[in-house]
Amino acid sequence: PSQETRQHITRAFTCHLVDTERCVLALAMQGFSGRNIKEVCEQTERKWAAKIVRGKAAPKSLPPLSEYLAAAQSRAQSGLQ
C-alpha cells in the first residue's frame, strides 16, 4: 500500500500514537502488505501485554513507537514483510 494507506492502516491499531509517529511507523513498513502491518501491530501489543504481566511495563500503559518500530524491523529482517 501507499504511504497514506499504511498510515491509515496503522491508525486503526495505534490510536494512542500521534500522527507524526504513525507517519514514521508507516515509513518503516514500506513494502509490507496490509495484513503484515496489522500483524506487526498485534504482535507489538501482545509483547507489550506480556511486559505488563511480568512487571516490566506500567500497568494500563500502551506500547510506545519504539516497540512498533522494533517489531517492524524484526519482521523485515526475517523476510516476512
Protein backbone atom coordinates (compact mmCIF):
# COMPACT_ATOMS: atom_id res chain seq x y z
CA PRO A 1 0.00 0.00 0.00
CA SER A 2 0.96 3.65 -0.39
CA GLN A 3 2.38 5.70 2.49
CA GLU A 4 -1.04 7.25 3.08
CA THR A 5 -2.75 3.85 3.13
CA ARG A 6 -0.13 2.42 5.51
CA GLN A 7 -0.76 5.36 7.86
CA HIS A 8 -4.49 4.72 7.65
CA ILE A 9 -3.98 1.03 8.49
CA THR A 10 -1.72 1.83 11.44
CA ARG A 11 -4.26 4.38 12.73
CA ALA A 12 -6.70 1.52 13.31
CA PHE A 13 -4.23 -0.25 15.62
CA THR A 14 -2.27 2.61 17.18
CA CYS A 15 -4.86 5.18 18.25
CA HIS A 16 -2.61 6.25 21.11
CA LEU A 17 0.23 7.34 18.79
CA VAL A 18 0.24 10.84 17.35
CA ASP A 19 0.08 11.38 13.59
CA THR A 20 3.81 12.09 13.26
CA GLU A 21 4.60 8.79 15.00
CA ARG A 22 2.22 6.90 12.71
CA CYS A 23 3.94 8.55 9.74
CA VAL A 24 7.32 7.28 10.96
CA LEU A 25 5.86 3.82 11.53
CA ALA A 26 4.28 3.75 8.06
CA LEU A 27 7.61 4.73 6.52
CA ALA A 28 9.32 1.91 8.41
CA MET A 29 6.80 -0.55 6.98
CA GLN A 30 7.30 0.37 3.33
CA GLY A 31 6.92 -2.81 1.29
CA PHE A 32 4.73 -4.52 3.92
CA SER A 33 1.30 -5.81 2.95
CA GLY A 34 -1.75 -4.55 4.79
CA ARG A 35 -2.04 -7.88 6.56
CA ASN A 36 1.58 -7.74 7.70
CA ILE A 37 1.12 -4.21 9.02
CA LYS A 38 -1.82 -5.47 11.07
CA GLU A 39 0.21 -8.44 12.33
CA VAL A 40 3.14 -6.22 13.36
CA CYS A 41 0.77 -4.03 15.37
CA GLU A 42 -0.92 -7.01 17.00
CA GLN A 43 2.42 -8.67 17.78
CA THR A 44 3.63 -5.45 19.40
CA GLU A 45 0.51 -5.27 21.56
CA ARG A 46 0.88 -8.91 22.66
CA LYS A 47 4.53 -8.41 23.60
CA TRP A 48 3.63 -5.24 25.48
CA ALA A 49 0.88 -7.05 27.39
CA ALA A 50 3.42 -9.71 28.36
CA LYS A 51 5.75 -6.98 29.65
CA ILE A 52 2.93 -5.61 31.79
CA VAL A 53 2.20 -9.06 33.21
CA ARG A 54 5.91 -9.57 34.00
CA GLY A 55 6.08 -6.14 35.66
CA LYS A 56 8.44 -4.70 33.03
CA ALA A 57 5.94 -2.06 31.86
CA ALA A 58 3.50 0.11 33.77
CA PRO A 59 0.01 -1.33 34.19
CA LYS A 60 -2.53 0.04 31.70
CA SER A 61 0.25 1.60 29.61
CA LEU A 62 0.36 1.35 25.84
CA PRO A 63 3.34 0.45 23.66
CA PRO A 64 5.48 3.38 22.51
CA LEU A 65 6.52 3.93 18.90
CA SER A 66 9.88 2.28 19.56
CA GLU A 67 8.17 -1.06 20.27
CA TYR A 68 6.29 -0.95 16.94
CA LEU A 69 9.46 0.01 15.08
CA ALA A 70 11.39 -2.86 16.66
CA ALA A 71 8.68 -5.33 15.65
CA ALA A 72 8.61 -3.97 12.10
CA GLN A 73 12.39 -4.17 11.83
CA SER A 74 12.39 -7.73 13.15
CA ARG A 75 9.73 -8.76 10.64
CA ALA A 76 11.60 -7.08 7.76
CA GLN A 77 14.85 -8.83 8.72
CA SER A 78 13.09 -12.18 8.77
CA GLY A 79 11.79 -11.54 5.26
CA LEU A 80 8.15 -11.81 6.29
CA GLN A 81 7.00 -8.37 5.18
